[in-house]
Amino acid sequence: MIRRLDGLVEAVQTNCHIADARHAGDLTLCTYLLAMREFYRWEHGTAFAEQPARAEIGAWIAEREALWESLADADFLPLPLEGSQFGPFDSTVINEALAPHGLVYGAGVAHFGKPQFFLGELKRREERNGLRILVAGCEYARNLAAAPATLLDTTIQLRQESLRRWLWEKFEGWGVKKPGGALHAALLAYGFDLDPEAALARMADAEGETMILHELGEFEAGQLLGGEWQAMCAGFTGRRAELVARALRDNLADCLVTLPTLLDRGAARSIHFWFSNFDGIRRELFPRLADTYAAWCEGNQGAFAAAIAAGREHWLDRCVLALSLHRDRGAGAESPIAGLLDAADARL
């Protein structure tokens, strides 16, 4: 890091701590402990294969929770840069100022209104389909939960370090019992059974592209749905409605771009990995696609392609229905939108 930017790093990390102080309690206990273990590894520069001592992690968690308690009511800090002060969510102008320093900054709002920030090394930038893509490498400041890829307006940010850590967690979880299924197929296809660290590098490169494809799909979905969608989700007070709405749009985004592109490219390893993460509400809503995985594994691409094509039309229709409910009922639309999960005609 450039020494004269140390104040910027400290301010970004403080804002990360403030966001975590407000929202870390939203996680389930199991998810929280796994996230804290990985956060400890990041903060201490621990190698992926190294297992930190439980006592060390336990003491660190107690210290971190005490810090969060002291920051629970704090306001986010302005960011010092080039002799000026920037608002913590002014990511576009901040990135313009950081580009000469080879840095990238991210700021946004994740699930359930949680602010997310990070500061990292700018590895590369590119343009695709009219969007700017910023790829970050080493991260100097981050939240407890680190989203590997995000879309904000017309900018996609891919965080390679966070992606690698997330992928390694997947590998570690699989390694306990080595269950079969899509994750097993993906990990073996990348060679995790032979050389995990080399396989991780290959997987991060390929699945980083898959994440970019998903964000491109999110942008296309946004073009079809308009700004009203974001306003609707921002106004939800209950989690279930937001989860259902996000699942509808995620399914639409992947049917628009991610899955047809992977299928056209013959990206078998990425398709295996995509299905390993196809779970929860998204899968409940789209059993037809889940059922095509076995057929695709046996070489039947037609059923997979047909499910994707049907999904493009169906999920756009369901998203438009959610918008219509919100337009007609306002805050009263949350219950019927959440109820789409249980409606027979909402599923495909």
Protein backbone atom coordinates (compact mmCIF):
# COMPACT_ATOMS: atom_id res chain seq x y z
CA MET A 1 0.00 0.00 0.00
CA ILE A 2 0.99 3.61 -0.58
CA ARG A 3 1.87 5.00 2.86
CA ARG A 4 0.13 8.34 2.35
CA LEU A 5 -3.13 6.46 1.77
CA ASP A 6 -3.00 4.75 5.18
CA GLY A 7 -5.66 7.16 6.45
CA LEU A 8 -7.97 6.05 3.65
CA VAL A 9 -7.48 2.38 4.50
CA GLU A 10 -8.19 3.05 8.16
CA ALA A 11 -11.36 5.03 7.36
CA VAL A 12 -12.69 2.34 5.01
CA GLN A 13 -11.99 -0.41 7.55
CA THR A 14 -13.67 1.62 10.30
CA ASN A 15 -16.77 1.94 8.11
CA CYS A 16 -16.64 -1.82 7.56
CA HIS A 17 -16.56 -2.31 11.34
CA ILE A 18 -19.52 0.04 11.80
CA ALA A 19 -21.56 -1.87 9.21
CA ASP A 20 -20.63 -5.18 10.86
CA ALA A 21 -21.52 -3.78 14.27
CA ARG A 22 -25.02 -3.08 12.98
CA HIS A 23 -25.59 -6.29 11.02
CA ALA A 24 -23.30 -9.16 12.15
CA GLY A 25 -26.10 -10.31 14.46
CA ASP A 26 -28.29 -10.94 11.41
CA LEU A 27 -26.36 -14.15 10.65
CA THR A 28 -27.20 -17.56 12.04
CA LEU A 29 -24.72 -18.82 14.64
CA CYS A 30 -23.16 -21.39 12.31
CA THR A 31 -22.78 -18.92 9.44
CA TYR A 32 -21.43 -16.30 11.83
CA LEU A 33 -18.72 -18.57 13.23
CA LEU A 34 -17.61 -19.71 9.77
CA ALA A 35 -17.51 -16.10 8.56
CA MET A 36 -15.52 -15.02 11.61
CA ARG A 37 -12.98 -17.79 11.06
CA GLU A 38 -12.46 -16.68 7.48
CA PHE A 39 -12.32 -13.01 8.52
CA TYR A 40 -9.61 -13.93 11.05
CA ARG A 41 -7.65 -15.68 8.31
CA TRP A 42 -7.88 -12.63 6.06
CA GLU A 43 -6.88 -10.18 8.78
CA HIS A 44 -3.90 -12.27 9.90
CA GLY A 45 -2.75 -13.32 6.44
CA THR A 46 -3.21 -17.00 7.27
CA ALA A 47 -2.55 -19.45 4.43
CA PHE A 48 -5.60 -21.20 3.04
CA ALA A 49 -4.47 -24.65 4.17
CA GLU A 50 -3.45 -23.50 7.66
CA GLN A 51 -5.89 -24.12 10.51
CA PRO A 52 -5.76 -21.35 13.15
CA ALA A 53 -5.93 -22.45 16.78
CA ARG A 54 -9.43 -22.29 18.23
CA ALA A 55 -8.21 -20.45 21.30
CA GLU A 56 -6.65 -17.72 19.16
CA ILE A 57 -9.82 -17.31 17.10
CA GLY A 58 -11.96 -17.29 20.25
CA ALA A 59 -9.91 -14.49 21.82
CA TRP A 60 -9.96 -12.52 18.58
CA ILE A 61 -13.75 -12.88 18.27
CA ALA A 62 -14.19 -11.51 21.80
CA GLU A 63 -12.00 -8.51 20.95
CA ARG A 64 -13.81 -7.91 17.67
CA GLU A 65 -17.24 -8.07 19.29
CA ALA A 66 -16.10 -5.55 21.91
CA LEU A 67 -14.94 -3.24 19.11
CA TRP A 68 -18.29 -3.59 17.34
CA GLU A 69 -20.16 -2.81 20.54
CA SER A 70 -18.21 0.45 20.84
CA LEU A 71 -19.11 1.37 17.24
CA ALA A 72 -22.77 0.30 17.16
CA ASP A 73 -24.09 3.87 17.26
CA ALA A 74 -21.29 5.50 15.24
CA ASP A 75 -21.80 7.30 11.94
CA PHE A 76 -19.88 6.31 8.83
CA LEU A 77 -16.69 8.27 8.32
CA PRO A 78 -15.89 10.44 5.30
CA LEU A 79 -12.95 9.14 3.28
CA PRO A 80 -9.77 11.27 3.07
CA LEU A 81 -8.22 11.30 -0.40
CA GLU A 82 -6.12 13.80 -2.35
CA GLY A 83 -6.69 16.48 0.28
CA SER A 84 -10.48 16.15 0.08
CA GLN A 85 -13.19 14.33 1.97
CA PHE A 86 -15.55 11.98 0.11
CA GLY A 87 -18.80 10.44 1.23
CA PRO A 88 -18.46 6.69 1.86
CA PHE A 89 -20.99 5.83 -0.86
CA ASP A 90 -19.44 8.09 -3.55
CA SER A 91 -17.75 5.10 -5.15
CA THR A 92 -17.69 6.42 -8.73
CA VAL A 93 -15.78 9.61 -7.95
CA ILE A 94 -13.57 7.82 -5.42
CA ASN A 95 -12.57 5.23 -8.02
CA GLU A 96 -11.68 7.96 -10.50
CA ALA A 97 -9.31 9.42 -7.91
CA LEU A 98 -7.90 6.00 -6.94
CA ALA A 99 -7.22 4.71 -10.47
CA PRO A 100 -3.77 6.38 -10.73
CA HIS A 101 -2.81 4.64 -7.48
CA GLY A 102 -3.81 1.20 -8.79
CA LEU A 103 -6.62 0.84 -6.25
CA VAL A 104 -10.34 0.11 -6.41
CA TYR A 105 -13.06 0.97 -3.90
CA GLY A 106 -16.48 -0.60 -3.48
CA ALA A 107 -19.52 0.67 -1.61
CA GLY A 108 -23.10 -0.51 -1.77
CA VAL A 109 -26.01 -2.04 0.08
CA ALA A 110 -26.31 -5.82 0.24
CA HIS A 111 -29.16 -8.04 1.43
CA PHE A 112 -31.46 -6.64 4.09
CA GLY A 113 -29.98 -3.17 3.87
CA LYS A 114 -26.46 -4.03 5.04
CA PRO A 115 -23.82 -1.56 3.79
CA GLN A 116 -20.72 -3.16 2.30
CA PHE A 117 -17.35 -1.53 1.67
CA PHE A 118 -13.94 -2.68 0.50
CA LEU A 119 -10.64 -1.27 -0.73
CA GLY A 120 -8.26 -3.34 -2.80
CA GLU A 121 -5.63 -3.58 -5.49
CA LEU A 122 -6.93 -2.84 -9.00
CA LYS A 123 -5.81 -5.80 -11.09
CA ARG A 124 -7.49 -4.83 -14.34
CA ARG A 125 -10.38 -2.94 -15.87
CA GLU A 126 -12.33 -3.70 -19.02
CA GLU A 127 -15.46 -2.74 -20.91
CA ARG A 128 -18.11 -5.24 -21.93
CA ASN A 129 -21.60 -4.67 -23.29
CA GLY A 130 -21.37 -1.02 -22.32
CA LEU A 131 -20.47 -1.82 -18.71
CA ARG A 132 -17.23 -1.15 -16.88
CA ILE A 133 -15.68 -4.12 -15.09
CA LEU A 134 -13.20 -3.52 -12.26
CA VAL A 135 -11.30 -6.56 -11.02
CA ALA A 136 -9.78 -6.31 -7.54
CA GLY A 137 -6.92 -8.42 -6.24
CA CYS A 138 -5.47 -8.14 -2.74
CA GLU A 139 -7.91 -6.48 -0.34
CA TYR A 140 -6.78 -3.93 2.25
CA ALA A 141 -10.14 -3.30 3.94
CA ARG A 142 -13.36 -5.34 3.97
CA ASN A 143 -16.48 -6.38 5.87
CA LEU A 144 -17.08 -9.63 7.70
CA ALA A 145 -19.15 -10.92 4.77
CA ALA A 146 -17.51 -10.16 1.43
CA ALA A 147 -19.58 -10.48 -1.75
CA PRO A 148 -17.25 -11.68 -4.54
CA ALA A 149 -19.09 -9.75 -7.27
CA THR A 150 -21.46 -6.80 -7.36
CA LEU A 151 -23.23 -4.55 -9.84
CA LEU A 152 -23.75 -0.86 -9.14
CA ASP A 153 -25.31 1.20 -11.91
CA THR A 154 -23.09 0.39 -14.93
CA THR A 155 -20.06 -0.94 -13.02
CA ILE A 156 -19.36 -4.57 -12.16
CA GLN A 157 -16.78 -5.26 -9.48
CA LEU A 158 -15.14 -8.67 -9.14
CA ARG A 159 -13.16 -9.31 -5.95
CA GLN A 160 -10.67 -12.08 -6.68
CA GLU A 161 -9.39 -12.47 -3.12
CA SER A 162 -12.89 -12.78 -1.66
CA LEU A 163 -13.80 -15.20 -4.44
CA ARG A 164 -10.82 -17.41 -3.69
CA ARG A 165 -11.62 -17.46 0.01
CA TRP A 166 -15.25 -18.38 -0.71
CA LEU A 167 -14.17 -21.18 -3.08
CA TRP A 168 -11.70 -22.53 -0.52
CA GLU A 169 -14.47 -22.64 2.08
CA LYS A 170 -16.52 -24.69 -0.38
CA PHE A 171 -13.60 -27.09 -0.79
CA GLU A 172 -13.04 -27.36 2.96
CA GLY A 173 -16.71 -28.08 3.56
CA TRP A 174 -16.73 -30.76 0.88
CA GLY A 175 -13.54 -32.32 2.22
CA VAL A 176 -15.14 -33.30 5.53
CA LYS A 177 -17.29 -36.08 4.03
CA LYS A 178 -16.64 -35.77 0.27
CA PRO A 179 -20.30 -36.11 -0.73
CA GLY A 180 -21.26 -36.66 -4.36
CA GLY A 181 -23.30 -34.28 -6.48
CA ALA A 182 -22.57 -31.15 -8.48
CA LEU A 183 -19.91 -29.73 -6.11
CA HIS A 184 -18.08 -33.06 -6.09
CA ALA A 185 -18.09 -33.10 -9.89
CA ALA A 186 -16.86 -29.50 -10.11
CA LEU A 187 -14.04 -29.93 -7.60
CA LEU A 188 -12.78 -33.11 -9.28
CA ALA A 189 -13.02 -31.46 -12.70
CA TYR A 190 -10.77 -28.65 -11.47
CA GLY A 191 -8.34 -31.13 -9.86
CA PHE A 192 -8.84 -30.45 -6.17
CA ASP A 193 -8.19 -34.12 -5.44
CA LEU A 194 -4.67 -33.80 -6.89
CA ASP A 195 -3.40 -30.29 -6.12
CA PRO A 196 -5.91 -28.11 -4.21
CA GLU A 197 -3.99 -24.83 -4.46
CA ALA A 198 -3.39 -25.12 -8.21
CA ALA A 199 -7.02 -26.16 -8.65
CA LEU A 200 -8.13 -23.11 -6.64
CA ALA A 201 -6.30 -20.80 -9.04
CA ARG A 202 -7.96 -22.44 -12.05
CA MET A 203 -11.37 -22.38 -10.44
CA ALA A 204 -11.10 -18.74 -9.37
CA ASP A 205 -10.28 -17.67 -12.93
CA ALA A 206 -13.17 -19.59 -14.46
CA GLU A 207 -15.77 -18.87 -11.80
CA GLY A 208 -14.82 -15.20 -11.73
CA GLU A 209 -16.01 -15.11 -15.33
CA THR A 210 -19.22 -16.91 -14.32
CA MET A 211 -19.86 -14.22 -11.71
CA ILE A 212 -19.28 -11.49 -14.27
CA LEU A 213 -21.82 -13.22 -16.52
CA HIS A 214 -24.35 -13.22 -13.69
CA GLU A 215 -23.87 -9.50 -13.12
CA LEU A 216 -24.29 -8.89 -16.85
CA GLY A 217 -27.55 -10.81 -16.54
CA GLU A 218 -28.53 -8.65 -13.56
CA PHE A 219 -27.95 -5.57 -15.70
CA GLU A 220 -30.11 -6.96 -18.52
CA ALA A 221 -32.81 -7.83 -16.00
CA GLY A 222 -32.60 -4.30 -14.65
CA GLN A 223 -33.06 -2.88 -18.13
CA LEU A 224 -36.23 -4.95 -18.52
CA LEU A 225 -37.64 -4.17 -15.06
CA GLY A 226 -36.61 -0.53 -14.64
CA GLY A 227 -35.68 1.45 -11.55
CA GLU A 228 -38.96 0.62 -9.84
CA TRP A 229 -37.56 -2.81 -8.91
CA GLN A 230 -34.79 -1.37 -6.73
CA ALA A 231 -37.21 1.00 -5.05
CA MET A 232 -39.55 -1.90 -4.30
CA CYS A 233 -36.82 -4.05 -2.73
CA ALA A 234 -35.42 -1.13 -0.73
CA GLY A 235 -38.84 -0.59 0.82
CA PHE A 236 -39.37 -4.14 2.07
CA THR A 237 -39.60 -4.43 5.84
CA GLY A 238 -39.80 -8.24 5.93
CA ARG A 239 -37.04 -10.64 4.87
CA ARG A 240 -39.23 -13.21 3.14
CA ALA A 241 -40.51 -10.81 0.48
CA GLU A 242 -36.96 -9.64 -0.27
CA LEU A 243 -35.65 -13.20 -0.48
CA VAL A 244 -38.40 -14.22 -2.91
CA ALA A 245 -37.96 -11.09 -5.04
CA ARG A 246 -34.19 -11.60 -5.23
CA ALA A 247 -34.66 -15.25 -6.19
CA LEU A 248 -37.04 -14.30 -9.00
CA ARG A 249 -34.58 -11.78 -10.40
CA ASP A 250 -31.55 -14.07 -9.94
CA ASN A 251 -33.31 -16.80 -11.91
CA LEU A 252 -34.15 -14.29 -14.62
CA ALA A 253 -30.56 -12.98 -14.77
CA ASP A 254 -29.09 -16.47 -15.11
CA CYS A 255 -31.59 -17.47 -17.80
CA LEU A 256 -30.86 -14.26 -19.72
CA VAL A 257 -27.05 -14.47 -19.72
CA THR A 258 -25.20 -16.84 -17.38
CA LEU A 259 -26.59 -20.24 -18.32
CA PRO A 260 -26.99 -19.79 -22.09
CA THR A 261 -23.45 -18.43 -22.28
CA LEU A 262 -21.96 -21.30 -20.26
CA LEU A 263 -23.91 -23.81 -22.35
CA ASP A 264 -22.79 -22.20 -25.63
CA ARG A 265 -19.17 -22.23 -24.46
CA GLY A 266 -19.34 -25.85 -23.32
CA ALA A 267 -18.07 -24.73 -19.90
CA ALA A 268 -18.80 -28.03 -18.17
CA ARG A 269 -16.81 -27.32 -15.00
CA SER A 270 -18.63 -24.03 -14.48
CA ILE A 271 -22.02 -25.63 -15.11
CA HIS A 272 -21.29 -28.25 -12.45
CA PHE A 273 -20.28 -25.51 -10.04
CA TRP A 274 -23.30 -23.36 -10.89
CA PHE A 275 -25.63 -26.23 -10.02
CA SER A 276 -23.76 -26.80 -6.75
CA ASN A 277 -24.90 -23.32 -5.71
CA PHE A 278 -28.42 -23.62 -7.09
CA ASP A 279 -30.27 -24.04 -3.83
CA GLY A 280 -32.73 -22.47 -1.42
CA ILE A 281 -35.62 -20.43 -2.77
CA ARG A 282 -34.16 -20.25 -6.28
CA ARG A 283 -34.27 -24.03 -6.56
CA GLU A 284 -37.70 -24.30 -4.94
CA LEU A 285 -39.07 -21.93 -7.57
CA PHE A 286 -37.36 -23.63 -10.51
CA PRO A 287 -37.57 -27.44 -10.08
CA ARG A 288 -37.63 -27.94 -13.86
CA LEU A 289 -34.09 -26.61 -14.16
CA ALA A 290 -32.90 -28.66 -11.19
CA ASP A 291 -34.27 -31.77 -12.86
CA THR A 292 -32.29 -31.13 -16.05
CA TYR A 293 -28.90 -31.43 -14.32
CA ALA A 294 -28.85 -35.23 -14.40
CA ALA A 295 -29.95 -35.20 -18.04
CA TRP A 296 -27.23 -32.69 -18.92
CA CYS A 297 -24.63 -34.84 -17.17
CA GLU A 298 -25.67 -37.67 -19.47
CA GLY A 299 -25.22 -35.50 -22.56
CA ASN A 300 -28.80 -34.25 -23.02
CA GLN A 301 -28.27 -30.55 -23.60
CA GLY A 302 -31.69 -30.11 -25.19
CA ALA A 303 -33.65 -30.37 -21.93
CA PHE A 304 -31.26 -27.92 -20.26
CA ALA A 305 -31.53 -25.41 -23.11
CA ALA A 306 -35.33 -25.72 -23.17
CA ALA A 307 -35.57 -25.06 -19.42
CA ILE A 308 -33.38 -21.97 -19.80
CA ALA A 309 -35.52 -20.64 -22.67
CA ALA A 310 -38.73 -21.25 -20.72
CA GLY A 311 -37.15 -19.58 -17.69
CA ARG A 312 -36.43 -16.35 -19.55
CA GLU A 313 -40.11 -15.86 -20.28
CA HIS A 314 -41.43 -17.21 -16.99
CA TRP A 315 -39.18 -15.28 -14.61
CA LEU A 316 -39.67 -12.02 -16.47
CA ASP A 317 -43.42 -12.57 -16.15
CA ARG A 318 -43.15 -13.30 -12.41
CA CYS A 319 -40.93 -10.26 -11.82
CA VAL A 320 -43.42 -8.08 -13.66
CA LEU A 321 -46.18 -9.57 -11.50
CA ALA A 322 -44.25 -8.63 -8.34
CA LEU A 323 -43.89 -5.07 -9.64
CA SER A 324 -47.59 -4.94 -10.44
CA LEU A 325 -48.46 -6.09 -6.92
CA HIS A 326 -46.21 -3.42 -5.48
CA ARG A 327 -47.61 -0.75 -7.77
CA ASP A 328 -51.18 -1.61 -6.78
CA ARG A 329 -50.74 -2.29 -3.07
CA GLY A 330 -47.60 -0.45 -1.97
CA ALA A 331 -46.39 -1.74 1.38
CA GLY A 332 -49.29 -4.19 1.39
CA ALA A 333 -47.65 -6.09 -1.47
CA GLU A 334 -45.03 -7.72 0.73
CA SER A 335 -47.26 -10.58 1.83
CA PRO A 336 -48.46 -11.57 -1.69
CA ILE A 337 -44.91 -11.23 -3.07
CA ALA A 338 -43.60 -13.49 -0.32
CA GLY A 339 -46.52 -15.81 -1.06
CA LEU A 340 -45.32 -16.32 -4.63
CA LEU A 341 -42.99 -18.98 -3.24
CA ASP A 342 -45.98 -21.13 -2.37
CA ALA A 343 -48.07 -20.32 -5.45
CA ALA A 344 -48.20 -23.19 -7.94
CA ASP A 345 -48.25 -20.89 -10.96
CA ALA A 346 -45.12 -19.05 -9.75
CA ARG A 347 -42.96 -22.15 -10.07
CA LEU A 348 -41.52 -23.62 -13.21
